[in-house]
Protein backbone atom coordinates (compact mmCIF):
# COMPACT_ATOMS: atom_id res chain seq x y z
CA MET A 1 33.35 40.49 27.59
CA PRO A 2 30.78 42.03 25.25
CA SER A 3 28.63 39.72 23.19
CA LEU A 4 29.70 39.71 19.55
CA THR A 5 27.22 37.08 18.40
CA THR A 6 23.92 38.15 16.85
CA THR A 7 22.88 34.75 15.42
CA THR A 8 22.58 31.54 17.36
CA GLY A 9 22.46 27.98 16.07
CA ARG A 10 23.22 24.35 16.73
CA ILE A 11 26.98 23.69 16.75
CA LEU A 12 28.81 20.38 16.79
CA LEU A 13 32.21 20.57 18.46
CA VAL A 14 34.72 17.80 17.76
CA ASP A 15 38.02 17.69 19.64
CA ASP A 16 39.95 14.87 21.35
CA GLN A 17 41.13 17.21 24.11
CA PRO A 18 38.57 17.33 27.01
CA VAL A 19 39.91 20.65 28.25
CA SER A 20 39.50 22.28 24.86
CA LEU A 21 36.00 20.85 24.56
CA ARG A 22 34.98 22.29 27.94
CA VAL A 23 36.39 25.75 27.28
CA VAL A 24 34.92 26.13 23.78
CA THR A 25 31.58 24.64 24.83
CA GLN A 26 31.18 27.13 27.70
CA LEU A 27 32.19 30.02 25.45
CA LEU A 28 29.61 29.11 22.78
CA GLN A 29 26.84 28.36 25.30
CA ARG A 30 27.26 31.74 26.93
CA GLN A 31 26.43 33.28 23.54
CA GLY A 32 23.19 31.26 23.31
CA HIS A 33 24.34 28.48 20.98
CA GLU A 34 23.16 24.88 21.39
CA VAL A 35 26.36 22.83 21.57
CA SER A 36 26.92 19.08 21.27
CA SER A 37 30.42 17.63 21.52
CA CYS A 38 32.32 14.49 20.53
CA THR A 39 35.90 13.37 21.11
CA ARG A 40 36.04 10.88 18.22
CA GLY A 41 35.44 11.41 14.53
CA GLU A 42 33.29 8.27 14.29
CA ASP A 43 30.95 9.58 17.00
CA ALA A 44 30.80 12.98 15.35
CA LEU A 45 29.71 11.40 12.04
CA ALA A 46 26.93 9.50 13.79
CA GLU A 47 25.83 12.69 15.58
CA CYS A 48 25.70 14.58 12.27
CA LEU A 49 23.54 11.90 10.73
CA ALA A 50 21.15 11.82 13.71
CA HIS A 51 20.99 15.58 14.35
CA PRO A 52 22.52 17.67 11.55
CA PRO A 53 24.05 20.82 13.07
CA ASP A 54 24.17 24.33 11.59
CA LEU A 55 27.98 24.48 11.98
CA ILE A 56 30.83 22.12 12.80
CA LEU A 57 33.93 23.12 14.75
CA LEU A 58 36.46 20.33 14.55
CA ASP A 59 40.08 19.64 15.41
CA MET A 60 42.28 18.94 12.43
CA MET A 61 44.48 16.25 13.98
CA MET A 62 42.74 13.51 16.03
CA PRO A 63 43.50 9.80 16.59
CA GLY A 64 41.47 7.35 14.53
CA MET A 65 39.26 9.35 12.15
CA ASP A 66 40.93 12.76 11.94
CA GLY A 67 39.31 16.02 10.83
CA PHE A 68 40.13 15.49 7.15
CA GLU A 69 38.58 12.00 7.04
CA LEU A 70 35.50 13.12 9.00
CA LEU A 71 34.99 16.06 6.68
CA GLY A 72 35.39 13.78 3.66
CA GLN A 73 32.65 11.48 4.96
CA ILE A 74 30.37 14.44 5.68
CA ARG A 75 30.85 15.87 2.21
CA LYS A 76 29.89 12.54 0.59
CA ASN A 77 26.44 12.69 2.19
CA PRO A 78 24.08 15.04 0.24
CA LYS A 79 22.07 15.78 3.40
CA LEU A 80 25.18 16.96 5.25
CA ALA A 81 27.33 18.40 2.47
CA SER A 82 26.14 22.02 2.95
CA ILE A 83 27.02 22.20 6.63
CA PRO A 84 29.91 24.70 7.08
CA ALA A 85 32.94 23.43 8.97
CA ILE A 86 35.69 25.41 10.76
CA PHE A 87 38.96 23.77 11.68
CA LEU A 88 40.44 24.39 15.12
CA THR A 89 44.15 23.69 14.77
CA ALA A 90 47.53 24.36 16.26
CA ALA A 91 49.11 23.69 12.87
CA GLN A 92 50.87 26.56 11.14
CA ASP A 93 52.01 24.56 8.08
CA GLN A 94 50.79 26.38 4.97
CA GLU A 95 50.42 23.13 2.93
CA LEU A 96 48.33 21.61 5.66
CA LEU A 97 46.09 24.68 5.78
CA LEU A 98 45.71 24.62 1.98
CA ARG A 99 44.75 20.95 2.22
CA ALA A 100 42.13 21.96 4.80
CA PHE A 101 40.45 24.36 2.35
CA GLU A 102 40.66 21.79 -0.42
CA SER A 103 38.85 19.31 1.85
CA GLY A 104 35.94 21.73 2.19
CA VAL A 105 36.38 23.77 5.34
CA VAL A 106 35.09 27.32 5.15
CA ASP A 107 37.52 28.78 7.69
CA TYR A 108 40.08 27.90 10.41
CA VAL A 109 41.11 29.27 13.79
CA THR A 110 44.56 28.58 15.16
CA LYS A 111 45.16 27.51 18.76
CA PRO A 112 45.56 29.27 21.09
CA PHE A 113 42.73 31.49 19.83
CA LEU A 114 41.16 34.76 20.97
CA ALA A 115 37.59 34.29 22.12
CA GLU A 116 36.44 37.36 20.14
CA GLU A 117 37.97 35.96 16.95
CA LEU A 118 36.40 32.53 17.34
CA LEU A 119 32.98 34.03 18.04
CA ALA A 120 33.22 36.41 15.10
CA ARG A 121 34.06 33.59 12.69
CA VAL A 122 31.35 31.33 14.11
CA ASN A 123 28.77 34.15 13.77
CA ALA A 124 29.79 35.02 10.22
CA HIS A 125 29.44 31.46 8.96
CA LEU A 126 26.23 30.81 10.95
CA VAL A 127 24.67 33.89 9.41
CA LEU A 128 25.55 32.66 5.92
CA LYS A 129 24.32 29.13 6.60
CA LEU A 130 21.01 30.12 8.19
CA THR A 131 20.36 32.79 5.51
CA ARG A 132 20.94 30.15 2.82
CA ASP A 133 18.57 27.79 4.62
CA ARG A 134 15.87 30.48 4.74
CA LEU A 135 16.29 31.21 1.04
CA GLU A 136 16.02 27.51 0.22
CA ARG A 137 12.85 27.25 2.27
CA VAL A 138 11.36 30.28 0.54
CA ALA A 139 12.27 28.81 -2.85
CA ALA A 140 10.71 25.47 -1.89
CA GLU A 141 7.55 27.20 -0.69
CA ARG A 142 7.33 29.19 -3.91
CA GLN A 143 7.78 26.05 -5.96
CA ASN A 144 5.09 24.29 -3.97
CA LEU A 145 2.78 27.26 -4.61
CA VAL A 146 3.52 27.08 -8.35
CA ASN A 147 2.74 23.37 -8.30
CA LEU A 148 -0.52 23.99 -6.43
CA VAL A 149 -1.63 26.77 -8.74
CA ALA A 150 -0.75 24.82 -11.88
CA HIS A 151 -2.50 21.72 -10.63
CA ASP A 152 -5.67 23.42 -9.41
CA LEU A 153 -6.02 25.53 -12.53
CA LYS A 154 -5.79 22.47 -14.71
CA ASN A 155 -9.30 21.16 -13.89
CA PRO A 156 -11.31 24.37 -14.59
CA LEU A 157 -9.27 25.13 -17.68
CA THR A 158 -9.87 21.58 -18.94
CA SER A 159 -13.60 22.18 -18.48
CA VAL A 160 -13.38 25.48 -20.41
CA LEU A 161 -11.54 23.71 -23.24
CA PHE A 162 -14.06 20.92 -23.38
CA ALA A 163 -17.09 23.24 -23.43
CA SER A 164 -15.53 25.54 -26.04
CA GLU A 165 -14.73 22.60 -28.29
CA MET A 166 -18.33 21.39 -28.02
CA LEU A 167 -19.64 24.82 -28.93
CA MET A 168 -17.53 24.76 -32.06
CA LEU A 169 -19.38 21.69 -33.34
CA ALA A 170 -21.83 22.45 -36.16
CA ASP A 171 -24.74 20.32 -34.89
CA VAL A 172 -24.70 21.27 -31.19
CA GLU A 173 -28.22 21.62 -29.77
CA ASP A 174 -29.36 24.98 -28.43
CA ALA A 175 -30.16 23.51 -25.02
CA ARG A 176 -26.63 22.16 -24.72
CA LYS A 177 -25.16 25.46 -25.92
CA ALA A 178 -26.52 27.13 -22.79
CA ARG A 179 -25.02 24.40 -20.59
CA TYR A 180 -21.62 24.67 -22.30
CA GLN A 181 -21.68 28.44 -21.95
CA LYS A 182 -22.46 28.07 -18.25
CA ILE A 183 -19.57 25.62 -17.80
CA ILE A 184 -17.19 28.08 -19.44
CA HIS A 185 -18.41 30.96 -17.30
CA GLU A 186 -18.33 29.08 -13.96
CA ALA A 187 -15.03 27.29 -14.65
CA THR A 188 -13.44 30.63 -15.52
CA GLN A 189 -14.77 32.08 -12.32
CA ASP A 190 -13.33 29.11 -10.39
CA ALA A 191 -9.91 29.62 -12.02
CA LEU A 192 -9.89 33.30 -11.11
CA GLY A 193 -11.06 32.43 -7.59
CA TYR A 194 -8.16 29.99 -7.14
CA ILE A 195 -5.69 32.64 -8.26
CA LYS A 196 -7.22 35.17 -5.88
CA SER A 197 -7.10 32.73 -2.97
CA TYR A 198 -3.42 31.94 -3.61
CA LEU A 199 -2.54 35.63 -3.84
CA GLU A 200 -4.42 36.37 -0.60
CA SER A 201 -2.75 33.43 1.17
CA GLN A 202 0.63 35.03 0.44
CA SER A 203 -0.37 38.44 1.77
CA LYS A 204 -2.22 37.51 4.96
CA PRO A 205 -2.49 34.46 7.24
CA PRO A 206 -5.58 32.25 7.03
CA ASP A 207 -8.38 32.79 9.55
CA SER A 208 -8.00 29.57 11.52
CA LYS A 209 -10.88 30.49 13.89
CA ARG A 210 -13.48 30.51 11.13
CA GLN A 211 -15.37 27.22 10.94
CA GLN A 212 -16.58 26.29 7.48
CA HIS A 213 -19.05 23.62 6.54
CA ALA A 214 -19.89 21.87 3.31
CA SER A 215 -22.97 19.93 2.21
CA LEU A 216 -22.04 16.68 0.50
CA HIS A 217 -25.30 16.78 -1.42
CA LYS A 218 -24.44 20.18 -2.83
CA VAL A 219 -20.93 19.06 -3.72
CA VAL A 220 -22.40 16.09 -5.64
CA ASP A 221 -24.84 18.48 -7.40
CA TRP A 222 -21.89 20.67 -8.38
CA LEU A 223 -19.93 17.71 -9.70
CA LEU A 224 -22.88 16.54 -11.76
CA GLU A 225 -23.39 19.98 -13.27
CA ARG A 226 -19.74 20.47 -14.01
CA TYR A 227 -18.72 17.03 -15.27
CA THR A 228 -21.76 15.07 -16.53
CA LEU A 229 -21.40 16.30 -20.10
CA GLN A 230 -17.66 15.67 -20.13
CA LEU A 231 -18.12 12.14 -18.75
CA GLU A 232 -20.88 11.40 -21.23
CA ALA A 233 -18.60 12.56 -24.06
CA ARG A 234 -16.16 9.88 -22.90
CA GLY A 235 -18.92 7.27 -22.85
CA ILE A 236 -19.12 7.19 -19.06
CA ALA A 237 -22.59 7.11 -17.45
CA VAL A 238 -23.09 8.92 -14.13
CA SER A 239 -25.21 7.74 -11.21
CA THR A 240 -25.67 8.78 -7.59
CA ARG A 241 -26.71 7.37 -4.25
CA LEU A 242 -27.67 10.08 -1.74
CA PRO A 243 -29.24 9.70 1.68
CA GLU A 244 -32.39 11.56 2.78
CA GLN A 245 -30.48 13.03 5.75
CA ALA A 246 -28.47 16.18 5.20
CA ALA A 247 -24.78 15.32 5.23
CA MET A 248 -22.76 18.29 6.48
CA VAL A 249 -19.00 18.06 7.00
CA SER A 250 -16.36 20.34 8.48
CA ILE A 251 -14.42 21.71 5.52
CA ALA A 252 -14.65 24.72 3.17
CA PRO A 253 -17.05 23.88 0.28
CA LYS A 254 -14.62 25.16 -2.37
CA VAL A 255 -11.80 23.05 -0.94
CA LEU A 256 -13.93 19.91 -0.92
CA ARG A 257 -15.00 20.56 -4.51
CA GLN A 258 -11.34 20.83 -5.55
CA VAL A 259 -10.51 17.50 -3.94
CA ALA A 260 -13.60 15.76 -5.32
CA GLU A 261 -13.06 16.98 -8.84
CA ASN A 262 -9.54 15.61 -8.76
CA LEU A 263 -11.05 12.17 -8.10
CA VAL A 264 -13.57 12.69 -10.89
CA THR A 265 -10.99 13.77 -13.47
CA ASN A 266 -8.79 10.82 -12.53
CA ALA A 267 -11.73 8.47 -13.05
CA SER A 268 -12.57 10.08 -16.36
CA LYS A 269 -8.98 9.54 -17.57
CA TYR A 270 -8.67 5.89 -16.60
CA ALA A 271 -12.24 4.49 -16.64
CA ALA A 272 -13.06 2.65 -19.84
CA SER A 273 -15.58 3.98 -22.34
CA GLY A 274 -18.95 2.44 -21.76
CA GLY A 275 -18.39 2.31 -18.00
CA GLU A 276 -20.00 4.26 -15.21
CA LEU A 277 -19.01 6.61 -12.42
CA MET A 278 -20.99 6.78 -9.19
CA PHE A 279 -21.12 9.39 -6.45
CA TRP A 280 -22.19 7.86 -3.14
CA VAL A 281 -22.74 9.68 0.15
CA ARG A 282 -22.80 7.41 3.19
CA THR A 283 -22.03 7.38 6.91
CA GLY A 284 -18.52 6.47 7.85
CA ALA A 285 -16.91 5.96 11.24
CA PRO A 286 -18.97 7.38 14.16
CA GLY A 287 -19.15 11.14 13.71
CA TYR A 288 -18.01 11.07 10.06
CA TRP A 289 -19.58 11.23 6.63
CA GLN A 290 -18.09 9.75 3.47
CA LEU A 291 -18.16 10.87 -0.15
CA VAL A 292 -17.33 7.93 -2.38
CA VAL A 293 -16.28 8.27 -6.01
CA GLN A 294 -16.22 4.88 -7.70
CA ASP A 295 -15.79 3.69 -11.28
CA ARG A 296 -15.61 0.58 -13.37
CA GLY A 297 -12.12 1.20 -14.69
CA PRO A 298 -9.13 -1.12 -14.33
CA GLY A 299 -8.55 -0.23 -10.68
CA ILE A 300 -5.11 -0.16 -9.07
CA ALA A 301 -2.95 -3.27 -8.94
CA PRO A 302 -2.28 -4.32 -5.30
CA ALA A 303 1.47 -4.00 -5.80
CA ARG A 304 1.09 -0.35 -6.78
CA GLN A 305 -1.49 0.80 -4.22
CA ARG A 306 1.21 1.73 -1.70
CA GLU A 307 2.49 4.32 -4.17
CA LEU A 308 -0.94 5.77 -4.89
CA PHE A 309 -0.66 8.89 -2.74
CA LYS A 310 3.04 9.62 -3.29
CA PRO A 311 3.78 13.04 -4.92
CA PHE A 312 4.84 13.07 -8.59
CA THR A 313 3.91 9.40 -9.01
CA ARG A 314 1.87 8.08 -11.92
CA LEU A 315 0.87 4.44 -11.72
CA SER A 316 0.58 3.94 -15.47
CA GLU A 317 3.16 4.32 -18.20
CA HIS A 318 0.40 5.65 -20.41
CA ASP A 319 -0.50 9.28 -19.72
CA PRO A 320 -4.09 9.86 -20.77
CA ALA A 321 -3.74 13.53 -19.83
CA ASN A 322 -1.23 14.13 -22.63
CA GLY A 323 1.44 15.59 -20.38
CA LEU A 324 -0.90 17.59 -18.16
CA SER A 325 -0.76 15.15 -15.27
CA SER A 326 1.94 15.88 -12.71
CA GLY A 327 1.13 13.02 -10.35
CA LEU A 328 0.45 15.57 -7.61
CA GLY A 329 -3.36 15.36 -7.42
CA LEU A 330 -3.89 12.48 -5.02
CA ALA A 331 -0.97 13.47 -2.80
CA LEU A 332 -2.33 17.01 -2.49
CA ALA A 333 -5.88 15.77 -1.99
CA ARG A 334 -4.84 13.53 0.93
CA GLN A 335 -2.93 16.40 2.57
CA ILE A 336 -5.92 18.69 2.28
CA ILE A 337 -8.37 16.16 3.72
CA ALA A 338 -5.95 15.28 6.55
CA ALA A 339 -5.61 18.98 7.41
CA ALA A 340 -9.42 19.06 7.78
CA GLY A 341 -9.31 16.16 10.24
CA GLY A 342 -10.40 13.57 7.70
CA HIS A 343 -9.09 10.66 5.62
CA LEU A 344 -8.75 9.90 1.93
CA PHE A 345 -8.23 6.27 1.02
CA TYR A 346 -8.60 3.77 -1.76
CA GLU A 347 -10.55 0.51 -2.00
CA ASP A 348 -10.87 -2.06 -4.74
CA ARG A 349 -14.44 -2.13 -5.96
CA GLU A 350 -16.30 -5.42 -5.99
CA GLY A 351 -16.76 -6.56 -9.57
CA GLY A 352 -13.82 -4.45 -10.78
CA GLY A 353 -12.98 -0.80 -10.64
CA ALA A 354 -11.66 1.80 -8.24
CA ARG A 355 -13.27 3.35 -5.19
CA PHE A 356 -11.90 6.52 -3.57
CA VAL A 357 -13.37 7.51 -0.24
CA ILE A 358 -13.28 10.97 1.34
CA GLU A 359 -14.17 10.72 5.01
CA LEU A 360 -14.71 13.97 6.96
CA PRO A 361 -15.94 14.93 10.45
CA GLU A 362 -19.67 15.62 10.62
CA ALA A 363 -20.54 19.29 11.07
CA HIS A 364 -23.46 19.99 13.36
CA VAL A 365 -25.24 22.90 11.71
CA LYS A 366 -28.65 24.19 12.76
CA ASN A 367 -31.58 24.20 10.34
CA THR A 368 -30.08 21.69 7.86
CA ALA A 369 -32.95 20.66 5.63
CA THR A 370 -33.42 17.29 4.00
CA HIS A 371 -31.83 17.28 0.58
CA PRO A 372 -34.50 17.86 -2.04
CA ALA A 373 -32.99 15.27 -4.37
CA GLY A 374 -33.20 12.63 -1.67
CA ASP A 375 -36.31 11.04 -3.13
CA ALA A 376 -34.46 10.23 -6.36
CA VAL A 377 -31.82 7.94 -4.94
CA GLU A 378 -30.62 5.44 -7.52
CA PRO A 379 -29.95 1.84 -6.47
CA LEU A 380 -26.32 1.16 -5.54
CA CYS A 381 -24.37 -1.02 -7.91
CA THR A 382 -21.31 -2.60 -6.34
């Protein structure tokens, strides 16, 4: 018999007749489908919950939970409701068949059936189901991309807005004008760079073989240059603690800056005026370096810390970002650091405040010089 099936999938077969189960199972398996079978509706429901199939073939009339009741239970579950179901039935009663469609089946095949007909109907509904699944995945990926772009553009655009507002002040000093203009220029370049990276990621796969390294000292220098004026405008003093030894980690510098600035902007939103923000580079677990961003804000209540890295979660009813905070920042940051083989975690700070720790694998790079700012290490305040 020629193969009529062009799409294969996982099919759940439900029938109380062992002979029918065996015949249909062999027919579907010869076409490349993965088939699981049950003789009771209750077992079929449990199988659907444990391993959702792409298609269900079920007998209409069975003892105990029949096909109608099973389908009703499946349709009540949002995770299973989209699975297409085809009735296998010997019934010819028109009212019963109408009831079948009303219950949510997409098709039916009458017994005894032609193998070619059964395979054709199975293939048609599998194609529709798997195509819909692919479209849903694409839509989800696109939405994730939109979320990423919107989130990552927020920080540089906020810097542009801050610097432009400062330049509009009548009494701004000339020396600060140059710094504000530099912030605007570099933040705009960052925003365009993010857009370019996202567009390139959609057109070609990333080069996974390319090893990239970042200097934690240079990341701290970048954070100071970008955010010191903004933090000072909020009444937040900035301090650092940097080791003499070069601290190189395995991650792309731009990616690490994105993660670190999310921590800085969070601290600037929640840390109280008159407080301080510290950048601290220290050794972590063996073979790891840590970048610590700590403040003297209210910290996170112990009962809420478990929710800290959940997407779309804000731990305060008050939104200091005036609607610009999506609750995605920390969740995305943890995913990015984990993908680089590291960890992002939270600690309560002694004496009050929050401490976020980025821990990344050490990168062994030749000719790494001692950081020139190492002599100016400020004392650590815990």
